[in-house]
Amino acid sequence: MAGYIVLGRYTPEGLAKIKEMPDIINKHKEHLKALGIHLVGTWLTMGEYDFVSIYDCPDDMTMAVRILDAGRAGLVTTQTMRALSEAEFAQVVSRIE
């Protein structure tokens, strides 16, 4: 599975529903299972972003579906980064000549 780091900010609509967010996250996890995505965790952060989520996902296309779906809901905006595992990093550096 591919790893992804998602940095997120709550929209005004998301902040209006902030007390519902734990339930929204739990419902979100069920939807992710259907896509074959595993949410490793979500952390509230202080600073430029409101939260960080870590995902394991089958591929980029599936993650794109997840991110577009989240944006469509209007509760958050996100920045997504593909994260290479230590094993993937080792494969990359082994190809450097």
PDB file of N, CA and C in Angstrom:
ATOM      1  N   MET A   1       0.851  -1.186   0.000  1.00  0.00           N
ATOM      2  CA  MET A   1       0.000   0.000   0.000  1.00  0.00           C
ATOM      3  C   MET A   1       0.891   1.241   0.000  1.00  0.00           C
ATOM      4  N   ALA A   2       0.399   2.283  -0.609  1.00  0.00           N
ATOM      5  CA  ALA A   2       1.111   3.553  -0.677  1.00  0.00           C
ATOM      6  C   ALA A   2       0.727   4.421   0.515  1.00  0.00           C
ATOM      7  N   GLY A   3       1.693   5.175   1.024  1.00  0.00           N
ATOM      8  CA  GLY A   3       1.435   6.062   2.157  1.00  0.00           C
ATOM      9  C   GLY A   3       1.167   7.485   1.698  1.00  0.00           C
ATOM     10  N   TYR A   4       0.288   8.165   2.409  1.00  0.00           N
ATOM     11  CA  TYR A   4      -0.057   9.552   2.101  1.00  0.00           C
ATOM     12  C   TYR A   4      -0.190  10.342   3.392  1.00  0.00           C
ATOM     13  N   ILE A   5       0.303  11.569   3.357  1.00  0.00           N
ATOM     14  CA  ILE A   5       0.134  12.512   4.456  1.00  0.00           C
ATOM     15  C   ILE A   5      -0.795  13.602   3.948  1.00  0.00           C
ATOM     16  N   VAL A   6      -1.852  13.870   4.699  1.00  0.00           N
ATOM     17  CA  VAL A   6      -2.808  14.901   4.315  1.00  0.00           C
ATOM     18  C   VAL A   6      -2.788  15.992   5.380  1.00  0.00           C
ATOM     19  N   LEU A   7      -2.476  17.209   4.938  1.00  0.00           N
ATOM     20  CA  LEU A   7      -2.546  18.379   5.802  1.00  0.00           C
ATOM     21  C   LEU A   7      -3.878  19.051   5.530  1.00  0.00           C
ATOM     22  N   GLY A   8      -4.626  19.380   6.575  1.00  0.00           N
ATOM     23  CA  GLY A   8      -5.961  19.919   6.349  1.00  0.00           C
ATOM     24  C   GLY A   8      -6.284  21.147   7.164  1.00  0.00           C
ATOM     25  N   ARG A   9      -7.210  21.893   6.617  1.00  0.00           N
ATOM     26  CA  ARG A   9      -7.767  23.060   7.302  1.00  0.00           C
ATOM     27  C   ARG A   9      -9.289  22.937   7.278  1.00  0.00           C
ATOM     28  N   TYR A  10      -9.918  23.316   8.371  1.00  0.00           N
ATOM     29  CA  TYR A  10     -11.374  23.336   8.411  1.00  0.00           C
ATOM     30  C   TYR A  10     -11.882  24.583   7.696  1.00  0.00           C
ATOM     31  N   THR A  11     -12.913  24.416   6.906  1.00  0.00           N
ATOM     32  CA  THR A  11     -13.591  25.553   6.269  1.00  0.00           C
ATOM     33  C   THR A  11     -14.545  26.167   7.297  1.00  0.00           C
ATOM     34  N   PRO A  12     -15.124  27.331   7.005  1.00  0.00           N
ATOM     35  CA  PRO A  12     -16.147  27.865   7.919  1.00  0.00           C
ATOM     36  C   PRO A  12     -17.281  26.858   8.165  1.00  0.00           C
ATOM     37  N   GLU A  13     -17.657  26.099   7.124  1.00  0.00           N
ATOM     38  CA  GLU A  13     -18.697  25.079   7.283  1.00  0.00           C
ATOM     39  C   GLU A  13     -18.219  23.958   8.208  1.00  0.00           C
ATOM     40  N   GLY A  14     -16.952  23.578   8.076  1.00  0.00           N
ATOM     41  CA  GLY A  14     -16.380  22.550   8.941  1.00  0.00           C
ATOM     42  C   GLY A  14     -16.322  23.004  10.390  1.00  0.00           C
ATOM     43  N   LEU A  15     -15.941  24.256  10.594  1.00  0.00           N
ATOM     44  CA  LEU A  15     -15.890  24.789  11.965  1.00  0.00           C
ATOM     45  C   LEU A  15     -17.280  24.861  12.581  1.00  0.00           C
ATOM     46  N   ALA A  16     -18.290  25.148  11.761  1.00  0.00           N
ATOM     47  CA  ALA A  16     -19.662  25.189  12.270  1.00  0.00           C
ATOM     48  C   ALA A  16     -20.117  23.817  12.753  1.00  0.00           C
ATOM     49  N   LYS A  17     -19.499  22.744  12.200  1.00  0.00           N
ATOM     50  CA  LYS A  17     -19.858  21.372  12.581  1.00  0.00           C
ATOM     51  C   LYS A  17     -18.755  20.709  13.410  1.00  0.00           C
ATOM     52  N   ILE A  18     -17.878  21.492  14.017  1.00  0.00           N
ATOM     53  CA  ILE A  18     -16.696  20.939  14.675  1.00  0.00           C
ATOM     54  C   ILE A  18     -17.050  19.941  15.780  1.00  0.00           C
ATOM     55  N   LYS A  19     -18.142  20.163  16.496  1.00  0.00           N
ATOM     56  CA  LYS A  19     -18.515  19.231  17.568  1.00  0.00           C
ATOM     57  C   LYS A  19     -18.979  17.887  17.010  1.00  0.00           C
ATOM     58  N   GLU A  20     -19.386  17.862  15.741  1.00  0.00           N
ATOM     59  CA  GLU A  20     -19.814  16.632  15.082  1.00  0.00           C
ATOM     60  C   GLU A  20     -18.649  15.890  14.430  1.00  0.00           C
ATOM     61  N   MET A  21     -17.478  16.527  14.405  1.00  0.00           N
ATOM     62  CA  MET A  21     -16.354  15.977  13.649  1.00  0.00           C
ATOM     63  C   MET A  21     -15.943  14.568  14.090  1.00  0.00           C
ATOM     64  N   PRO A  22     -15.917  14.219  15.387  1.00  0.00           N
ATOM     65  CA  PRO A  22     -15.576  12.831  15.740  1.00  0.00           C
ATOM     66  C   PRO A  22     -16.515  11.812  15.086  1.00  0.00           C
ATOM     67  N   ASP A  23     -17.811  12.105  15.036  1.00  0.00           N
ATOM     68  CA  ASP A  23     -18.761  11.200  14.380  1.00  0.00           C
ATOM     69  C   ASP A  23     -18.545  11.180  12.866  1.00  0.00           C
ATOM     70  N   ILE A  24     -18.236  12.349  12.306  1.00  0.00           N
ATOM     71  CA  ILE A  24     -17.978  12.434  10.865  1.00  0.00           C
ATOM     72  C   ILE A  24     -16.753  11.595  10.514  1.00  0.00           C
ATOM     73  N   ILE A  25     -15.710  11.659  11.344  1.00  0.00           N
ATOM     74  CA  ILE A  25     -14.489  10.869  11.105  1.00  0.00           C
ATOM     75  C   ILE A  25     -14.810   9.376  11.165  1.00  0.00           C
ATOM     76  N   ASN A  26     -15.615   8.954  12.127  1.00  0.00           N
ATOM     77  CA  ASN A  26     -15.971   7.524  12.228  1.00  0.00           C
ATOM     78  C   ASN A  26     -16.760   7.054  11.006  1.00  0.00           C
ATOM     79  N   LYS A  27     -17.693   7.860  10.528  1.00  0.00           N
ATOM     80  CA  LYS A  27     -18.437   7.509   9.302  1.00  0.00           C
ATOM     81  C   LYS A  27     -17.487   7.473   8.111  1.00  0.00           C
ATOM     82  N   HIS A  28     -16.561   8.404   8.110  1.00  0.00           N
ATOM     83  CA  HIS A  28     -15.552   8.497   7.052  1.00  0.00           C
ATOM     84  C   HIS A  28     -14.725   7.214   6.983  1.00  0.00           C
ATOM     85  N   LYS A  29     -14.370   6.656   8.136  1.00  0.00           N
ATOM     86  CA  LYS A  29     -13.582   5.418   8.178  1.00  0.00           C
ATOM     87  C   LYS A  29     -14.313   4.264   7.498  1.00  0.00           C
ATOM     88  N   GLU A  30     -15.617   4.187   7.668  1.00  0.00           N
ATOM     89  CA  GLU A  30     -16.400   3.125   7.024  1.00  0.00           C
ATOM     90  C   GLU A  30     -16.365   3.276   5.508  1.00  0.00           C
ATOM     91  N   HIS A  31     -16.488   4.499   5.029  1.00  0.00           N
ATOM     92  CA  HIS A  31     -16.424   4.755   3.588  1.00  0.00           C
ATOM     93  C   HIS A  31     -15.040   4.393   3.042  1.00  0.00           C
ATOM     94  N   LEU A  32     -13.998   4.684   3.819  1.00  0.00           N
ATOM     95  CA  LEU A  32     -12.637   4.372   3.394  1.00  0.00           C
ATOM     96  C   LEU A  32     -12.431   2.867   3.223  1.00  0.00           C
ATOM     97  N   LYS A  33     -12.996   2.087   4.131  1.00  0.00           N
ATOM     98  CA  LYS A  33     -12.869   0.630   4.032  1.00  0.00           C
ATOM     99  C   LYS A  33     -13.384   0.130   2.693  1.00  0.00           C
ATOM    100  N   ALA A  34     -14.489   0.705   2.240  1.00  0.00           N
ATOM    101  CA  ALA A  34     -15.072   0.292   0.965  1.00  0.00           C
ATOM    102  C   ALA A  34     -14.133   0.599  -0.204  1.00  0.00           C
ATOM    103  N   LEU A  35     -13.295   1.620  -0.046  1.00  0.00           N
ATOM    104  CA  LEU A  35     -12.323   1.979  -1.085  1.00  0.00           C
ATOM    105  C   LEU A  35     -11.003   1.229  -0.940  1.00  0.00           C
ATOM    106  N   GLY A  36     -10.857   0.483   0.162  1.00  0.00           N
ATOM    107  CA  GLY A  36      -9.599  -0.218   0.412  1.00  0.00           C
ATOM    108  C   GLY A  36      -8.530   0.663   1.032  1.00  0.00           C
ATOM    109  N   ILE A  37      -8.956   1.777   1.637  1.00  0.00           N
ATOM    110  CA  ILE A  37      -8.036   2.731   2.259  1.00  0.00           C
ATOM    111  C   ILE A  37      -8.050   2.533   3.773  1.00  0.00           C
ATOM    112  N   HIS A  38      -6.859   2.583   4.382  1.00  0.00           N
ATOM    113  CA  HIS A  38      -6.739   2.495   5.837  1.00  0.00           C
ATOM    114  C   HIS A  38      -6.310   3.851   6.381  1.00  0.00           C
ATOM    115  N   LEU A  39      -7.125   4.437   7.254  1.00  0.00           N
ATOM    116  CA  LEU A  39      -6.759   5.666   7.944  1.00  0.00           C
ATOM    117  C   LEU A  39      -5.920   5.287   9.152  1.00  0.00           C
ATOM    118  N   VAL A  40      -4.640   5.582   9.095  1.00  0.00           N
ATOM    119  CA  VAL A  40      -3.741   5.266  10.207  1.00  0.00           C
ATOM    120  C   VAL A  40      -4.101   6.123  11.409  1.00  0.00           C
ATOM    121  N   GLY A  41      -4.384   7.394  11.170  1.00  0.00           N
ATOM    122  CA  GLY A  41      -4.776   8.277  12.261  1.00  0.00           C
ATOM    123  C   GLY A  41      -4.951   9.700  11.795  1.00  0.00           C
ATOM    124  N   THR A  42      -5.648  10.479  12.619  1.00  0.00           N
ATOM    125  CA  THR A  42      -5.829  11.912  12.400  1.00  0.00           C
ATOM    126  C   THR A  42      -5.472  12.623  13.694  1.00  0.00           C
ATOM    127  N   TRP A  43      -4.685  13.684  13.566  1.00  0.00           N
ATOM    128  CA  TRP A  43      -4.224  14.437  14.725  1.00  0.00           C
ATOM    129  C   TRP A  43      -4.587  15.902  14.562  1.00  0.00           C
ATOM    130  N   LEU A  44      -5.145  16.503  15.601  1.00  0.00           N
ATOM    131  CA  LEU A  44      -5.380  17.934  15.648  1.00  0.00           C
ATOM    132  C   LEU A  44      -4.017  18.599  15.784  1.00  0.00           C
ATOM    133  N   THR A  45      -3.757  19.619  14.992  1.00  0.00           N
ATOM    134  CA  THR A  45      -2.468  20.300  15.049  1.00  0.00           C
ATOM    135  C   THR A  45      -2.671  21.786  15.300  1.00  0.00           C
ATOM    136  N   MET A  46      -1.634  22.416  15.759  1.00  0.00           N
ATOM    137  CA  MET A  46      -1.668  23.848  16.021  1.00  0.00           C
ATOM    138  C   MET A  46      -0.634  24.508  15.129  1.00  0.00           C
ATOM    139  N   GLY A  47      -1.064  25.479  14.376  1.00  0.00           N
ATOM    140  CA  GLY A  47      -0.167  26.140  13.441  1.00  0.00           C
ATOM    141  C   GLY A  47      -0.880  26.392  12.134  1.00  0.00           C
ATOM    142  N   GLU A  48      -0.164  26.258  11.040  1.00  0.00           N
ATOM    143  CA  GLU A  48      -0.710  26.565   9.720  1.00  0.00           C
ATOM    144  C   GLU A  48      -1.861  25.641   9.332  1.00  0.00           C
ATOM    145  N   TYR A  49      -1.821  24.392   9.789  1.00  0.00           N
ATOM    146  CA  TYR A  49      -2.870  23.420   9.460  1.00  0.00           C
ATOM    147  C   TYR A  49      -3.613  23.026  10.724  1.00  0.00           C
ATOM    148  N   ASP A  50      -4.882  22.660  10.551  1.00  0.00           N
ATOM    149  CA  ASP A  50      -5.732  22.279  11.680  1.00  0.00           C
ATOM    150  C   ASP A  50      -5.602  20.815  12.048  1.00  0.00           C
ATOM    151  N   PHE A  51      -5.251  19.973  11.059  1.00  0.00           N
ATOM    152  CA  PHE A  51      -5.099  18.549  11.336  1.00  0.00           C
ATOM    153  C   PHE A  51      -4.160  17.913  10.327  1.00  0.00           C
ATOM    154  N   VAL A  52      -3.647  16.753  10.719  1.00  0.00           N
ATOM    155  CA  VAL A  52      -2.824  15.912   9.850  1.00  0.00           C
ATOM    156  C   VAL A  52      -3.422  14.520   9.885  1.00  0.00           C
ATOM    157  N   SER A  53      -3.594  13.919   8.710  1.00  0.00           N
ATOM    158  CA  SER A  53      -4.068  12.541   8.626  1.00  0.00           C
ATOM    159  C   SER A  53      -3.053  11.717   7.842  1.00  0.00           C
ATOM    160  N   ILE A  54      -2.885  10.474   8.260  1.00  0.00           N
ATOM    161  CA  ILE A  54      -1.982   9.542   7.588  1.00  0.00           C
ATOM    162  C   ILE A  54      -2.827   8.398   7.042  1.00  0.00           C
ATOM    163  N   TYR A  55      -2.625   8.071   5.761  1.00  0.00           N
ATOM    164  CA  TYR A  55      -3.390   7.021   5.095  1.00  0.00           C
ATOM    165  C   TYR A  55      -2.470   5.998   4.451  1.00  0.00           C
ATOM    166  N   ASP A  56      -2.923   4.759   4.395  1.00  0.00           N
ATOM    167  CA  ASP A  56      -2.358   3.723   3.534  1.00  0.00           C
ATOM    168  C   ASP A  56      -3.426   3.454   2.484  1.00  0.00           C
ATOM    169  N   CYS A  57      -3.031   3.501   1.228  1.00  0.00           N
ATOM    170  CA  CYS A  57      -3.999   3.454   0.140  1.00  0.00           C
ATOM    171  C   CYS A  57      -3.454   2.587  -0.987  1.00  0.00           C
ATOM    172  N   PRO A  58      -4.319   1.884  -1.716  1.00  0.00           N
ATOM    173  CA  PRO A  58      -3.841   1.007  -2.786  1.00  0.00           C
ATOM    174  C   PRO A  58      -3.048   1.724  -3.886  1.00  0.00           C
ATOM    175  N   ASP A  59      -3.457   2.947  -4.244  1.00  0.00           N
ATOM    176  CA  ASP A  59      -2.790   3.628  -5.355  1.00  0.00           C
ATOM    177  C   ASP A  59      -3.201   5.099  -5.392  1.00  0.00           C
ATOM    178  N   ASP A  60      -2.531   5.863  -6.265  1.00  0.00           N
ATOM    179  CA  ASP A  60      -2.790   7.297  -6.386  1.00  0.00           C
ATOM    180  C   ASP A  60      -4.219   7.599  -6.831  1.00  0.00           C
ATOM    181  N   MET A  61      -4.745   6.816  -7.742  1.00  0.00           N
ATOM    182  CA  MET A  61      -6.099   7.068  -8.239  1.00  0.00           C
ATOM    183  C   MET A  61      -7.138   6.938  -7.121  1.00  0.00           C
ATOM    184  N   THR A  62      -6.978   5.926  -6.288  1.00  0.00           N
ATOM    185  CA  THR A  62      -7.915   5.733  -5.180  1.00  0.00           C
ATOM    186  C   THR A  62      -7.803   6.879  -4.187  1.00  0.00           C
ATOM    187  N   MET A  63      -6.585   7.327  -3.916  1.00  0.00           N
ATOM    188  CA  MET A  63      -6.407   8.456  -3.004  1.00  0.00           C
ATOM    189  C   MET A  63      -6.998   9.727  -3.603  1.00  0.00           C
ATOM    190  N   ALA A  64      -6.880   9.899  -4.902  1.00  0.00           N
ATOM    191  CA  ALA A  64      -7.472  11.064  -5.554  1.00  0.00           C
ATOM    192  C   ALA A  64      -8.991  11.071  -5.379  1.00  0.00           C
ATOM    193  N   VAL A  65      -9.616   9.904  -5.481  1.00  0.00           N
ATOM    194  CA  VAL A  65     -11.057   9.798  -5.241  1.00  0.00           C
ATOM    195  C   VAL A  65     -11.380  10.264  -3.830  1.00  0.00           C
ATOM    196  N   ARG A  66     -10.599   9.802  -2.867  1.00  0.00           N
ATOM    197  CA  ARG A  66     -10.824  10.162  -1.465  1.00  0.00           C
ATOM    198  C   ARG A  66     -10.692  11.672  -1.244  1.00  0.00           C
ATOM    199  N   ILE A  67      -9.651  12.277  -1.805  1.00  0.00           N
ATOM    200  CA  ILE A  67      -9.403  13.706  -1.599  1.00  0.00           C
ATOM    201  C   ILE A  67     -10.468  14.557  -2.293  1.00  0.00           C
ATOM    202  N   LEU A  68     -10.835  14.188  -3.505  1.00  0.00           N
ATOM    203  CA  LEU A  68     -11.877  14.939  -4.207  1.00  0.00           C
ATOM    204  C   LEU A  68     -13.214  14.826  -3.493  1.00  0.00           C
ATOM    205  N   ASP A  69     -13.500  13.650  -2.957  1.00  0.00           N
ATOM    206  CA  ASP A  69     -14.734  13.450  -2.206  1.00  0.00           C
ATOM    207  C   ASP A  69     -14.754  14.321  -0.951  1.00  0.00           C
ATOM    208  N   ALA A  70     -13.621  14.401  -0.267  1.00  0.00           N
ATOM    209  CA  ALA A  70     -13.534  15.239   0.934  1.00  0.00           C
ATOM    210  C   ALA A  70     -13.730  16.708   0.580  1.00  0.00           C
ATOM    211  N   GLY A  71     -13.115  17.153  -0.497  1.00  0.00           N
ATOM    212  CA  GLY A  71     -13.276  18.534  -0.915  1.00  0.00           C
ATOM    213  C   GLY A  71     -14.703  18.865  -1.303  1.00  0.00           C
ATOM    214  N   ARG A  72     -15.344  17.920  -1.940  1.00  0.00           N
ATOM    215  CA  ARG A  72     -16.730  18.107  -2.364  1.00  0.00           C
ATOM    216  C   ARG A  72     -17.666  18.282  -1.179  1.00  0.00           C
ATOM    217  N   ALA A  73     -17.343  17.661  -0.051  1.00  0.00           N
ATOM    218  CA  ALA A  73     -18.189  17.777   1.143  1.00  0.00           C
ATOM    219  C   ALA A  73     -18.164  19.196   1.709  1.00  0.00           C
ATOM    220  N   GLY A  74     -17.078  19.941   1.432  1.00  0.00           N
ATOM    221  CA  GLY A  74     -17.021  21.339   1.836  1.00  0.00           C
ATOM    222  C   GLY A  74     -16.624  21.620   3.272  1.00  0.00           C
ATOM    223  N   LEU A  75     -16.220  20.598   4.032  1.00  0.00           N
ATOM    224  CA  LEU A  75     -15.873  20.798   5.439  1.00  0.00           C
ATOM    225  C   LEU A  75     -14.392  21.077   5.654  1.00  0.00           C
ATOM    226  N   VAL A  76     -13.563  20.672   4.699  1.00  0.00           N
ATOM    227  CA  VAL A  76     -12.116  20.835   4.831  1.00  0.00           C
ATOM    228  C   VAL A  76     -11.493  21.183   3.481  1.00  0.00           C
ATOM    229  N   THR A  77     -10.311  21.777   3.544  1.00  0.00           N
ATOM    230  CA  THR A  77      -9.436  21.894   2.382  1.00  0.00           C
ATOM    231  C   THR A  77      -8.173  21.120   2.743  1.00  0.00           C
ATOM    232  N   THR A  78      -7.523  20.546   1.741  1.00  0.00           N
ATOM    233  CA  THR A  78      -6.387  19.673   2.042  1.00  0.00           C
ATOM    234  C   THR A  78      -5.212  19.912   1.107  1.00  0.00           C
ATOM    235  N   GLN A  79      -4.061  19.479   1.589  1.00  0.00           N
ATOM    236  CA  GLN A  79      -2.860  19.360   0.777  1.00  0.00           C
ATOM    237  C   GLN A  79      -2.367  17.938   1.008  1.00  0.00           C
ATOM    238  N   THR A  80      -2.201  17.179  -0.065  1.00  0.00           N
ATOM    239  CA  THR A  80      -1.849  15.766   0.047  1.00  0.00           C
ATOM    240  C   THR A  80      -0.445  15.526  -0.483  1.00  0.00           C
ATOM    241  N   MET A  81       0.309  14.715   0.251  1.00  0.00           N
ATOM    242  CA  MET A  81       1.665  14.365  -0.149  1.00  0.00           C
ATOM    243  C   MET A  81       1.815  12.861  -0.166  1.00  0.00           C
ATOM    244  N   ARG A  82       2.436  12.339  -1.209  1.00  0.00           N
ATOM    245  CA  ARG A  82       2.778  10.910  -1.253  1.00  0.00           C
ATOM    246  C   ARG A  82       3.983  10.735  -0.350  1.00  0.00           C
ATOM    247  N   ALA A  83       3.927   9.759   0.521  1.00  0.00           N
ATOM    248  CA  ALA A  83       5.009   9.502   1.470  1.00  0.00           C
ATOM    249  C   ALA A  83       5.610   8.125   1.197  1.00  0.00           C
ATOM    250  N   LEU A  84       6.900   8.092   0.955  1.00  0.00           N
ATOM    251  CA  LEU A  84       7.576   6.821   0.715  1.00  0.00           C
ATOM    252  C   LEU A  84       7.998   6.207   2.043  1.00  0.00           C
ATOM    253  N   SER A  85       7.757   4.920   2.195  1.00  0.00           N
ATOM    254  CA  SER A  85       8.165   4.192   3.402  1.00  0.00           C
ATOM    255  C   SER A  85       9.685   4.056   3.410  1.00  0.00           C
ATOM    256  N   GLU A  86      10.238   3.579   4.516  1.00  0.00           N
ATOM    257  CA  GLU A  86      11.684   3.332   4.585  1.00  0.00           C
ATOM    258  C   GLU A  86      12.109   2.333   3.516  1.00  0.00           C
ATOM    259  N   ALA A  87      11.307   1.304   3.297  1.00  0.00           N
ATOM    260  CA  ALA A  87      11.636   0.298   2.286  1.00  0.00           C
ATOM    261  C   ALA A  87      11.603   0.913   0.883  1.00  0.00           C
ATOM    262  N   GLU A  88      10.604   1.745   0.620  1.00  0.00           N
ATOM    263  CA  GLU A  88      10.533   2.411  -0.686  1.00  0.00           C
ATOM    264  C   GLU A  88      11.702   3.376  -0.877  1.00  0.00           C
ATOM    265  N   PHE A  89      12.050   4.093   0.198  1.00  0.00           N
ATOM    266  CA  PHE A  89      13.203   4.998   0.151  1.00  0.00           C
ATOM    267  C   PHE A  89      14.475   4.226  -0.184  1.00  0.00           C
ATOM    268  N   ALA A  90      14.650   3.076   0.445  1.00  0.00           N
ATOM    269  CA  ALA A  90      15.831   2.241   0.174  1.00  0.00           C
ATOM    270  C   ALA A  90      15.869   1.817  -1.296  1.00  0.00           C
ATOM    271  N   GLN A  91      14.701   1.495  -1.848  1.00  0.00           N
ATOM    272  CA  GLN A  91      14.644   1.130  -3.272  1.00  0.00           C
ATOM    273  C   GLN A  91      15.040   2.308  -4.156  1.00  0.00           C
ATOM    274  N   VAL A  92      14.598   3.490  -3.792  1.00  0.00           N
ATOM    275  CA  VAL A  92      14.931   4.688  -4.566  1.00  0.00           C
ATOM    276  C   VAL A  92      16.432   4.940  -4.546  1.00  0.00           C
ATOM    277  N   VAL A  93      17.007   4.957  -3.354  1.00  0.00           N
ATOM    278  CA  VAL A  93      18.437   5.288  -3.277  1.00  0.00           C
ATOM    279  C   VAL A  93      19.304   4.197  -3.876  1.00  0.00           C
ATOM    280  N   SER A  94      18.810   2.963  -3.916  1.00  0.00           N
ATOM    281  CA  SER A  94      19.598   1.895  -4.516  1.00  0.00           C
ATOM    282  C   SER A  94      19.732   2.089  -6.039  1.00  0.00           C
ATOM    283  N   ARG A  95      18.871   2.909  -6.621  1.00  0.00           N
ATOM    284  CA  ARG A  95      18.905   3.154  -8.055  1.00  0.00           C
ATOM    285  C   ARG A  95      19.780   4.340  -8.432  1.00  0.00           C
ATOM    286  N   ILE A  96      20.289   5.053  -7.423  1.00  0.00           N
ATOM    287  CA  ILE A  96      21.169   6.188  -7.698  1.00  0.00           C
ATOM    288  C   ILE A  96      22.540   5.672  -8.073  1.00  0.00           C
ATOM    289  N   GLU A  97      23.038   6.183  -9.165  1.00  0.00           N
ATOM    290  CA  GLU A  97      24.363   5.734  -9.633  1.00  0.00           C
ATOM    291  C   GLU A  97      25.459   6.594  -9.074  1.00  0.00           C
TER     292      GLU A  97
END
